[in-house]
Amino acid sequence: MSGKFSGVQAIFRTAYPKMLYVHCVGHQLNLVVQEVIKRTSHGAKALTALESIVQFMKGSPNRLQSFDSFCAGSEQPTRSIRPLCPTRWVMRLPALEV
């Protein structure tokens, strides 16, 4: 979409040379939220702990099976462990919910 030479930005620039390209507001919001969380000590520690837990659980088939059987007894048995998305805060929500 934002490619300078072959993206939508390039197509619009040929038609409107004075056009100013601005990233999507949702993308900008994601970047701001990630920076704020990284710079707060509690937020950074929580995300680091969550990443460690995900890596620990995914490191063993036995642990994954135990987690799946634990979730089978909950209200939503279709849950699975998800890694944290490094680029989008919105995609981290499913990992946090699990």
PDB file of N, CA and C in Angstrom:
ATOM      1  N   MET A   1       0.815  -1.200   0.000  1.00  0.00           N
ATOM      2  CA  MET A   1       0.000   0.000   0.000  1.00  0.00           C
ATOM      3  C   MET A   1       0.860   1.266   0.000  1.00  0.00           C
ATOM      4  N   SER A   2       1.886   1.282   0.827  1.00  0.00           N
ATOM      5  CA  SER A   2       2.644   2.524   0.992  1.00  0.00           C
ATOM      6  C   SER A   2       3.924   2.564   0.169  1.00  0.00           C
ATOM      7  N   GLY A   3       4.099   1.615  -0.747  1.00  0.00           N
ATOM      8  CA  GLY A   3       5.332   1.566  -1.530  1.00  0.00           C
ATOM      9  C   GLY A   3       5.565   2.842  -2.326  1.00  0.00           C
ATOM     10  N   LYS A   4       6.777   3.356  -2.263  1.00  0.00           N
ATOM     11  CA  LYS A   4       7.104   4.603  -2.958  1.00  0.00           C
ATOM     12  C   LYS A   4       7.079   4.447  -4.476  1.00  0.00           C
ATOM     13  N   PHE A   5       7.387   3.235  -4.954  1.00  0.00           N
ATOM     14  CA  PHE A   5       7.531   3.046  -6.385  1.00  0.00           C
ATOM     15  C   PHE A   5       6.385   2.269  -7.027  1.00  0.00           C
ATOM     16  N   SER A   6       5.766   1.348  -6.300  1.00  0.00           N
ATOM     17  CA  SER A   6       4.718   0.545  -6.924  1.00  0.00           C
ATOM     18  C   SER A   6       3.456   0.416  -6.073  1.00  0.00           C
ATOM     19  N   GLY A   7       3.394   1.089  -4.965  1.00  0.00           N
ATOM     20  CA  GLY A   7       2.228   0.988  -4.094  1.00  0.00           C
ATOM     21  C   GLY A   7       1.167   2.009  -4.441  1.00  0.00           C
ATOM     22  N   VAL A   8       0.129   2.030  -3.672  1.00  0.00           N
ATOM     23  CA  VAL A   8      -0.956   2.985  -3.875  1.00  0.00           C
ATOM     24  C   VAL A   8      -0.436   4.412  -3.715  1.00  0.00           C
ATOM     25  N   GLN A   9       0.520   4.584  -2.808  1.00  0.00           N
ATOM     26  CA  GLN A   9       1.118   5.907  -2.624  1.00  0.00           C
ATOM     27  C   GLN A   9       1.705   6.406  -3.936  1.00  0.00           C
ATOM     28  N   ALA A  10       2.406   5.543  -4.674  1.00  0.00           N
ATOM     29  CA  ALA A  10       3.026   5.931  -5.938  1.00  0.00           C
ATOM     30  C   ALA A  10       1.978   6.288  -6.986  1.00  0.00           C
ATOM     31  N   ILE A  11       0.897   5.540  -7.018  1.00  0.00           N
ATOM     32  CA  ILE A  11      -0.159   5.812  -7.996  1.00  0.00           C
ATOM     33  C   ILE A  11      -0.784   7.184  -7.732  1.00  0.00           C
ATOM     34  N   PHE A  12      -1.059   7.463  -6.464  1.00  0.00           N
ATOM     35  CA  PHE A  12      -1.640   8.754  -6.129  1.00  0.00           C
ATOM     36  C   PHE A  12      -0.655   9.891  -6.343  1.00  0.00           C
ATOM     37  N   ARG A  13       0.613   9.646  -6.086  1.00  0.00           N
ATOM     38  CA  ARG A  13       1.624  10.699  -6.271  1.00  0.00           C
ATOM     39  C   ARG A  13       1.755  11.112  -7.729  1.00  0.00           C
ATOM     40  N   THR A  14       1.570  10.163  -8.635  1.00  0.00           N
ATOM     41  CA  THR A  14       1.644  10.536 -10.055  1.00  0.00           C
ATOM     42  C   THR A  14       0.459  11.417 -10.439  1.00  0.00           C
ATOM     43  N   ALA A  15      -0.697  11.148  -9.871  1.00  0.00           N
ATOM     44  CA  ALA A  15      -1.882  11.954 -10.172  1.00  0.00           C
ATOM     45  C   ALA A  15      -1.885  13.271  -9.397  1.00  0.00           C
ATOM     46  N   TYR A  16      -1.385  13.245  -8.177  1.00  0.00           N
ATOM     47  CA  TYR A  16      -1.383  14.421  -7.298  1.00  0.00           C
ATOM     48  C   TYR A  16       0.010  14.596  -6.696  1.00  0.00           C
ATOM     49  N   PRO A  17       0.914  15.271  -7.414  1.00  0.00           N
ATOM     50  CA  PRO A  17       2.315  15.375  -6.949  1.00  0.00           C
ATOM     51  C   PRO A  17       2.495  16.061  -5.593  1.00  0.00           C
ATOM     52  N   LYS A  18       1.576  16.932  -5.208  1.00  0.00           N
ATOM     53  CA  LYS A  18       1.718  17.638  -3.938  1.00  0.00           C
ATOM     54  C   LYS A  18       1.086  16.882  -2.779  1.00  0.00           C
ATOM     55  N   MET A  19       0.633  15.672  -3.031  1.00  0.00           N
ATOM     56  CA  MET A  19      -0.027  14.877  -2.002  1.00  0.00           C
ATOM     57  C   MET A  19       0.954  14.554  -0.872  1.00  0.00           C
ATOM     58  N   LEU A  20       0.449  14.601   0.342  1.00  0.00           N
ATOM     59  CA  LEU A  20       1.233  14.244   1.521  1.00  0.00           C
ATOM     60  C   LEU A  20       0.776  12.867   1.979  1.00  0.00           C
ATOM     61  N   TYR A  21       1.698  11.926   2.085  1.00  0.00           N
ATOM     62  CA  TYR A  21       1.347  10.569   2.509  1.00  0.00           C
ATOM     63  C   TYR A  21       1.479  10.468   4.020  1.00  0.00           C
ATOM     64  N   VAL A  22       0.442   9.943   4.675  1.00  0.00           N
ATOM     65  CA  VAL A  22       0.444   9.747   6.117  1.00  0.00           C
ATOM     66  C   VAL A  22       0.029   8.305   6.384  1.00  0.00           C
ATOM     67  N   HIS A  23       0.759   7.627   7.257  1.00  0.00           N
ATOM     68  CA  HIS A  23       0.407   6.254   7.616  1.00  0.00           C
ATOM     69  C   HIS A  23      -0.986   6.207   8.218  1.00  0.00           C
ATOM     70  N   CYS A  24      -1.567   5.061   8.169  1.00  0.00           N
ATOM     71  CA  CYS A  24      -2.887   4.803   8.734  1.00  0.00           C
ATOM     72  C   CYS A  24      -2.895   5.200  10.214  1.00  0.00           C
ATOM     73  N   VAL A  25      -3.970   5.835  10.646  1.00  0.00           N
ATOM     74  CA  VAL A  25      -4.076   6.277  12.035  1.00  0.00           C
ATOM     75  C   VAL A  25      -4.063   5.074  12.984  1.00  0.00           C
ATOM     76  N   GLY A  26      -4.694   3.970  12.573  1.00  0.00           N
ATOM     77  CA  GLY A  26      -4.677   2.768  13.404  1.00  0.00           C
ATOM     78  C   GLY A  26      -3.264   2.251  13.609  1.00  0.00           C
ATOM     79  N   HIS A  27      -2.452   2.307  12.549  1.00  0.00           N
ATOM     80  CA  HIS A  27      -1.057   1.865  12.654  1.00  0.00           C
ATOM     81  C   HIS A  27      -0.280   2.796  13.578  1.00  0.00           C
ATOM     82  N   GLN A  28      -0.508   4.081  13.429  1.00  0.00           N
ATOM     83  CA  GLN A  28       0.170   5.043  14.301  1.00  0.00           C
ATOM     84  C   GLN A  28      -0.218   4.821  15.759  1.00  0.00           C
ATOM     85  N   LEU A  29      -1.502   4.562  15.996  1.00  0.00           N
ATOM     86  CA  LEU A  29      -1.957   4.302  17.357  1.00  0.00           C
ATOM     87  C   LEU A  29      -1.294   3.059  17.927  1.00  0.00           C
ATOM     88  N   ASN A  30      -1.176   1.993  17.110  1.00  0.00           N
ATOM     89  CA  ASN A  30      -0.497   0.785  17.557  1.00  0.00           C
ATOM     90  C   ASN A  30       0.939   1.081  17.963  1.00  0.00           C
ATOM     91  N   LEU A  31       1.644   1.860  17.158  1.00  0.00           N
ATOM     92  CA  LEU A  31       3.038   2.185  17.461  1.00  0.00           C
ATOM     93  C   LEU A  31       3.151   2.995  18.751  1.00  0.00           C
ATOM     94  N   VAL A  32       2.251   3.945  18.951  1.00  0.00           N
ATOM     95  CA  VAL A  32       2.281   4.767  20.160  1.00  0.00           C
ATOM     96  C   VAL A  32       2.008   3.920  21.398  1.00  0.00           C
ATOM     97  N   VAL A  33       0.993   3.058  21.323  1.00  0.00           N
ATOM     98  CA  VAL A  33       0.653   2.220  22.477  1.00  0.00           C
ATOM     99  C   VAL A  33       1.819   1.296  22.817  1.00  0.00           C
ATOM    100  N   GLN A  34       2.456   0.715  21.803  1.00  0.00           N
ATOM    101  CA  GLN A  34       3.602  -0.166  22.059  1.00  0.00           C
ATOM    102  C   GLN A  34       4.737   0.594  22.749  1.00  0.00           C
ATOM    103  N   GLU A  35       5.019   1.806  22.295  1.00  0.00           N
ATOM    104  CA  GLU A  35       6.096   2.583  22.909  1.00  0.00           C
ATOM    105  C   GLU A  35       5.772   2.926  24.354  1.00  0.00           C
ATOM    106  N   VAL A  36       4.534   3.297  24.606  1.00  0.00           N
ATOM    107  CA  VAL A  36       4.135   3.650  25.972  1.00  0.00           C
ATOM    108  C   VAL A  36       4.270   2.438  26.884  1.00  0.00           C
ATOM    109  N   ILE A  37       3.800   1.281  26.429  1.00  0.00           N
ATOM    110  CA  ILE A  37       3.886   0.068  27.248  1.00  0.00           C
ATOM    111  C   ILE A  37       5.345  -0.302  27.498  1.00  0.00           C
ATOM    112  N   LYS A  38       6.181  -0.191  26.473  1.00  0.00           N
ATOM    113  CA  LYS A  38       7.600  -0.531  26.630  1.00  0.00           C
ATOM    114  C   LYS A  38       8.297   0.385  27.626  1.00  0.00           C
ATOM    115  N   ARG A  39       7.858   1.636  27.687  1.00  0.00           N
ATOM    116  CA  ARG A  39       8.539   2.620  28.541  1.00  0.00           C
ATOM    117  C   ARG A  39       8.023   2.655  29.975  1.00  0.00           C
ATOM    118  N   THR A  40       6.919   1.971  30.244  1.00  0.00           N
ATOM    119  CA  THR A  40       6.450   1.876  31.623  1.00  0.00           C
ATOM    120  C   THR A  40       6.990   0.583  32.215  1.00  0.00           C
ATOM    121  N   SER A  41       7.499   0.658  33.416  1.00  0.00           N
ATOM    122  CA  SER A  41       8.159  -0.511  33.997  1.00  0.00           C
ATOM    123  C   SER A  41       7.186  -1.673  34.201  1.00  0.00           C
ATOM    124  N   HIS A  42       5.986  -1.387  34.682  1.00  0.00           N
ATOM    125  CA  HIS A  42       5.024  -2.466  34.918  1.00  0.00           C
ATOM    126  C   HIS A  42       4.582  -3.109  33.610  1.00  0.00           C
ATOM    127  N   GLY A  43       4.337  -2.283  32.597  1.00  0.00           N
ATOM    128  CA  GLY A  43       3.916  -2.814  31.299  1.00  0.00           C
ATOM    129  C   GLY A  43       4.994  -3.665  30.656  1.00  0.00           C
ATOM    130  N   ALA A  44       6.223  -3.184  30.689  1.00  0.00           N
ATOM    131  CA  ALA A  44       7.329  -3.933  30.095  1.00  0.00           C
ATOM    132  C   ALA A  44       7.548  -5.258  30.828  1.00  0.00           C
ATOM    133  N   LYS A  45       7.477  -5.228  32.157  1.00  0.00           N
ATOM    134  CA  LYS A  45       7.657  -6.462  32.928  1.00  0.00           C
ATOM    135  C   LYS A  45       6.538  -7.451  32.656  1.00  0.00           C
ATOM    136  N   ALA A  46       5.312  -6.962  32.539  1.00  0.00           N
ATOM    137  CA  ALA A  46       4.176  -7.852  32.271  1.00  0.00           C
ATOM    138  C   ALA A  46       4.308  -8.514  30.904  1.00  0.00           C
ATOM    139  N   LEU A  47       4.681  -7.742  29.894  1.00  0.00           N
ATOM    140  CA  LEU A  47       4.822  -8.323  28.556  1.00  0.00           C
ATOM    141  C   LEU A  47       5.998  -9.296  28.489  1.00  0.00           C
ATOM    142  N   THR A  48       7.079  -8.987  29.183  1.00  0.00           N
ATOM    143  CA  THR A  48       8.220  -9.897  29.226  1.00  0.00           C
ATOM    144  C   THR A  48       7.835 -11.202  29.914  1.00  0.00           C
ATOM    145  N   ALA A  49       7.093 -11.095  31.013  1.00  0.00           N
ATOM    146  CA  ALA A  49       6.644 -12.304  31.713  1.00  0.00           C
ATOM    147  C   ALA A  49       5.710 -13.129  30.833  1.00  0.00           C
ATOM    148  N   LEU A  50       4.813 -12.462  30.140  1.00  0.00           N
ATOM    149  CA  LEU A  50       3.884 -13.178  29.264  1.00  0.00           C
ATOM    150  C   LEU A  50       4.618 -13.883  28.130  1.00  0.00           C
ATOM    151  N   GLU A  51       5.597 -13.214  27.537  1.00  0.00           N
ATOM    152  CA  GLU A  51       6.394 -13.843  26.476  1.00  0.00           C
ATOM    153  C   GLU A  51       7.136 -15.069  27.014  1.00  0.00           C
ATOM    154  N   SER A  52       7.665 -14.966  28.216  1.00  0.00           N
ATOM    155  CA  SER A  52       8.376 -16.101  28.815  1.00  0.00           C
ATOM    156  C   SER A  52       7.430 -17.270  29.070  1.00  0.00           C
ATOM    157  N   ILE A  53       6.228 -16.972  29.526  1.00  0.00           N
ATOM    158  CA  ILE A  53       5.255 -18.029  29.778  1.00  0.00           C
ATOM    159  C   ILE A  53       4.869 -18.733  28.478  1.00  0.00           C
ATOM    160  N   VAL A  54       4.636 -17.952  27.435  1.00  0.00           N
ATOM    161  CA  VAL A  54       4.278 -18.546  26.131  1.00  0.00           C
ATOM    162  C   VAL A  54       5.411 -19.442  25.630  1.00  0.00           C
ATOM    163  N   GLN A  55       6.645 -18.971  25.713  1.00  0.00           N
ATOM    164  CA  GLN A  55       7.783 -19.782  25.266  1.00  0.00           C
ATOM    165  C   GLN A  55       7.924 -21.046  26.105  1.00  0.00           C
ATOM    166  N   PHE A  56       7.721 -20.932  27.396  1.00  0.00           N
ATOM    167  CA  PHE A  56       7.815 -22.088  28.285  1.00  0.00           C
ATOM    168  C   PHE A  56       6.750 -23.117  27.939  1.00  0.00           C
ATOM    169  N   MET A  57       5.518 -22.679  27.767  1.00  0.00           N
ATOM    170  CA  MET A  57       4.424 -23.603  27.475  1.00  0.00           C
ATOM    171  C   MET A  57       4.586 -24.254  26.108  1.00  0.00           C
ATOM    172  N   LYS A  58       5.026 -23.485  25.126  1.00  0.00           N
ATOM    173  CA  LYS A  58       5.186 -24.036  23.775  1.00  0.00           C
ATOM    174  C   LYS A  58       6.435 -24.902  23.650  1.00  0.00           C
ATOM    175  N   GLY A  59       7.290 -24.875  24.652  1.00  0.00           N
ATOM    176  CA  GLY A  59       8.530 -25.643  24.600  1.00  0.00           C
ATOM    177  C   GLY A  59       8.358 -27.123  24.875  1.00  0.00           C
ATOM    178  N   SER A  60       7.175 -27.547  25.260  1.00  0.00           N
ATOM    179  CA  SER A  60       6.960 -28.945  25.604  1.00  0.00           C
ATOM    180  C   SER A  60       5.560 -29.389  25.173  1.00  0.00           C
ATOM    181  N   PRO A  61       5.480 -30.497  24.431  1.00  0.00           N
ATOM    182  CA  PRO A  61       4.164 -31.020  24.060  1.00  0.00           C
ATOM    183  C   PRO A  61       3.329 -31.418  25.282  1.00  0.00           C
ATOM    184  N   ASN A  62       3.994 -31.901  26.338  1.00  0.00           N
ATOM    185  CA  ASN A  62       3.266 -32.270  27.554  1.00  0.00           C
ATOM    186  C   ASN A  62       2.623 -31.043  28.211  1.00  0.00           C
ATOM    187  N   ARG A  63       3.358 -29.946  28.250  1.00  0.00           N
ATOM    188  CA  ARG A  63       2.793 -28.727  28.831  1.00  0.00           C
ATOM    189  C   ARG A  63       1.634 -28.213  27.983  1.00  0.00           C
ATOM    190  N   LEU A  64       1.766 -28.278  26.658  1.00  0.00           N
ATOM    191  CA  LEU A  64       0.672 -27.848  25.784  1.00  0.00           C
ATOM    192  C   LEU A  64      -0.564 -28.719  25.987  1.00  0.00           C
ATOM    193  N   GLN A  65      -0.354 -30.009  26.128  1.00  0.00           N
ATOM    194  CA  GLN A  65      -1.473 -30.915  26.361  1.00  0.00           C
ATOM    195  C   GLN A  65      -2.140 -30.612  27.702  1.00  0.00           C
ATOM    196  N   SER A  66      -1.343 -30.332  28.715  1.00  0.00           N
ATOM    197  CA  SER A  66      -1.901 -29.968  30.025  1.00  0.00           C
ATOM    198  C   SER A  66      -2.708 -28.674  29.933  1.00  0.00           C
ATOM    199  N   PHE A  67      -2.182 -27.725  29.198  1.00  0.00           N
ATOM    200  CA  PHE A  67      -2.899 -26.461  29.021  1.00  0.00           C
ATOM    201  C   PHE A  67      -4.213 -26.684  28.276  1.00  0.00           C
ATOM    202  N   ASP A  68      -4.176 -27.507  27.224  1.00  0.00           N
ATOM    203  CA  ASP A  68      -5.391 -27.795  26.464  1.00  0.00           C
ATOM    204  C   ASP A  68      -6.433 -28.488  27.328  1.00  0.00           C
ATOM    205  N   SER A  69      -5.996 -29.424  28.162  1.00  0.00           N
ATOM    206  CA  SER A  69      -6.959 -30.108  29.031  1.00  0.00           C
ATOM    207  C   SER A  69      -7.501 -29.156  30.093  1.00  0.00           C
ATOM    208  N   PHE A  70      -6.667 -28.218  30.553  1.00  0.00           N
ATOM    209  CA  PHE A  70      -7.132 -27.205  31.500  1.00  0.00           C
ATOM    210  C   PHE A  70      -8.195 -26.318  30.850  1.00  0.00           C
ATOM    211  N   CYS A  71      -7.952 -25.923  29.600  1.00  0.00           N
ATOM    212  CA  CYS A  71      -8.908 -25.063  28.894  1.00  0.00           C
ATOM    213  C   CYS A  71     -10.182 -25.816  28.535  1.00  0.00           C
ATOM    214  N   ALA A  72     -10.097 -27.130  28.381  1.00  0.00           N
ATOM    215  CA  ALA A  72     -11.286 -27.909  28.029  1.00  0.00           C
ATOM    216  C   ALA A  72     -12.339 -27.818  29.123  1.00  0.00           C
ATOM    217  N   GLY A  73     -11.934 -27.608  30.351  1.00  0.00           N
ATOM    218  CA  GLY A  73     -12.863 -27.488  31.456  1.00  0.00           C
ATOM    219  C   GLY A  73     -13.397 -26.077  31.634  1.00  0.00           C
ATOM    220  N   SER A  74     -12.873 -25.123  30.856  1.00  0.00           N
ATOM    221  CA  SER A  74     -13.327 -23.739  31.004  1.00  0.00           C
ATOM    222  C   SER A  74     -14.534 -23.470  30.114  1.00  0.00           C
ATOM    223  N   GLU A  75     -15.015 -22.256  30.170  1.00  0.00           N
ATOM    224  CA  GLU A  75     -16.196 -21.868  29.401  1.00  0.00           C
ATOM    225  C   GLU A  75     -15.919 -21.844  27.902  1.00  0.00           C
ATOM    226  N   GLN A  76     -14.678 -21.546  27.508  1.00  0.00           N
ATOM    227  CA  GLN A  76     -14.320 -21.455  26.095  1.00  0.00           C
ATOM    228  C   GLN A  76     -13.197 -22.442  25.797  1.00  0.00           C
ATOM    229  N   PRO A  77     -13.527 -23.686  25.473  1.00  0.00           N
ATOM    230  CA  PRO A  77     -12.497 -24.712  25.307  1.00  0.00           C
ATOM    231  C   PRO A  77     -11.678 -24.599  24.026  1.00  0.00           C
ATOM    232  N   THR A  78     -12.004 -23.696  23.129  1.00  0.00           N
ATOM    233  CA  THR A  78     -11.286 -23.611  21.851  1.00  0.00           C
ATOM    234  C   THR A  78     -10.072 -22.693  21.925  1.00  0.00           C
ATOM    235  N   ARG A  79      -9.667 -22.298  23.084  1.00  0.00           N
ATOM    236  CA  ARG A  79      -8.533 -21.372  23.213  1.00  0.00           C
ATOM    237  C   ARG A  79      -7.206 -22.081  23.017  1.00  0.00           C
ATOM    238  N   SER A  80      -6.242 -21.356  22.487  1.00  0.00           N
ATOM    239  CA  SER A  80      -4.895 -21.887  22.338  1.00  0.00           C
ATOM    240  C   SER A  80      -3.901 -20.785  22.687  1.00  0.00           C
ATOM    241  N   ILE A  81      -2.696 -21.199  23.018  1.00  0.00           N
ATOM    242  CA  ILE A  81      -1.653 -20.237  23.377  1.00  0.00           C
ATOM    243  C   ILE A  81      -1.194 -19.532  22.112  1.00  0.00           C
ATOM    244  N   ARG A  82      -1.129 -18.225  22.193  1.00  0.00           N
ATOM    245  CA  ARG A  82      -0.700 -17.433  21.047  1.00  0.00           C
ATOM    246  C   ARG A  82       0.503 -16.590  21.441  1.00  0.00           C
ATOM    247  N   PRO A  83       1.458 -16.467  20.538  1.00  0.00           N
ATOM    248  CA  PRO A  83       2.600 -15.585  20.835  1.00  0.00           C
ATOM    249  C   PRO A  83       2.176 -14.119  20.715  1.00  0.00           C
ATOM    250  N   LEU A  84       2.953 -13.254  21.312  1.00  0.00           N
ATOM    251  CA  LEU A  84       2.682 -11.829  21.199  1.00  0.00           C
ATOM    252  C   LEU A  84       3.134 -11.329  19.838  1.00  0.00           C
ATOM    253  N   CYS A  85       2.286 -10.584  19.176  1.00  0.00           N
ATOM    254  CA  CYS A  85       2.630 -10.016  17.877  1.00  0.00           C
ATOM    255  C   CYS A  85       3.569  -8.837  18.105  1.00  0.00           C
ATOM    256  N   PRO A  86       4.740  -8.817  17.465  1.00  0.00           N
ATOM    257  CA  PRO A  86       5.688  -7.735  17.718  1.00  0.00           C
ATOM    258  C   PRO A  86       5.298  -6.401  17.085  1.00  0.00           C
ATOM    259  N   THR A  87       4.363  -6.408  16.125  1.00  0.00           N
ATOM    260  CA  THR A  87       4.059  -5.172  15.413  1.00  0.00           C
ATOM    261  C   THR A  87       2.706  -4.577  15.717  1.00  0.00           C
ATOM    262  N   ARG A  88       1.761  -5.365  16.204  1.00  0.00           N
ATOM    263  CA  ARG A  88       0.419  -4.833  16.416  1.00  0.00           C
ATOM    264  C   ARG A  88      -0.084  -5.114  17.817  1.00  0.00           C
ATOM    265  N   TRP A  89      -0.397  -4.054  18.529  1.00  0.00           N
ATOM    266  CA  TRP A  89      -0.908  -4.197  19.881  1.00  0.00           C
ATOM    267  C   TRP A  89      -2.261  -4.892  19.860  1.00  0.00           C
ATOM    268  N   VAL A  90      -3.083  -4.604  18.878  1.00  0.00           N
ATOM    269  CA  VAL A  90      -4.422  -5.184  18.800  1.00  0.00           C
ATOM    270  C   VAL A  90      -4.347  -6.704  18.715  1.00  0.00           C
ATOM    271  N   MET A  91      -3.318  -7.227  18.077  1.00  0.00           N
ATOM    272  CA  MET A  91      -3.172  -8.673  17.945  1.00  0.00           C
ATOM    273  C   MET A  91      -2.645  -9.314  19.233  1.00  0.00           C
ATOM    274  N   ARG A  92      -2.190  -8.507  20.166  1.00  0.00           N
ATOM    275  CA  ARG A  92      -1.729  -9.039  21.449  1.00  0.00           C
ATOM    276  C   ARG A  92      -2.898  -9.375  22.378  1.00  0.00           C
ATOM    277  N   LEU A  93      -4.041  -8.769  22.110  1.00  0.00           N
ATOM    278  CA  LEU A  93      -5.203  -8.978  22.969  1.00  0.00           C
ATOM    279  C   LEU A  93      -5.586 -10.447  23.071  1.00  0.00           C
ATOM    280  N   PRO A  94      -5.653 -11.231  21.962  1.00  0.00           N
ATOM    281  CA  PRO A  94      -5.976 -12.655  22.128  1.00  0.00           C
ATOM    282  C   PRO A  94      -4.970 -13.401  22.998  1.00  0.00           C
ATOM    283  N   ALA A  95      -3.688 -13.035  22.890  1.00  0.00           N
ATOM    284  CA  ALA A  95      -2.679 -13.690  23.731  1.00  0.00           C
ATOM    285  C   ALA A  95      -2.895 -13.336  25.193  1.00  0.00           C
ATOM    286  N   LEU A  96      -3.258 -12.097  25.461  1.00  0.00           N
ATOM    287  CA  LEU A  96      -3.506 -11.670  26.836  1.00  0.00           C
ATOM    288  C   LEU A  96      -4.763 -12.327  27.397  1.00  0.00           C
ATOM    289  N   GLU A  97      -5.784 -12.483  26.568  1.00  0.00           N
ATOM    290  CA  GLU A  97      -7.020 -13.089  27.037  1.00  0.00           C
ATOM    291  C   GLU A  97      -6.827 -14.547  27.426  1.00  0.00           C
ATOM    292  N   VAL A  98      -6.038 -15.292  26.649  1.00  0.00           N
ATOM    293  CA  VAL A  98      -5.786 -16.697  26.958  1.00  0.00           C
ATOM    294  C   VAL A  98      -5.009 -16.783  28.236  1.00  0.00           C
TER     295      VAL A  98
END
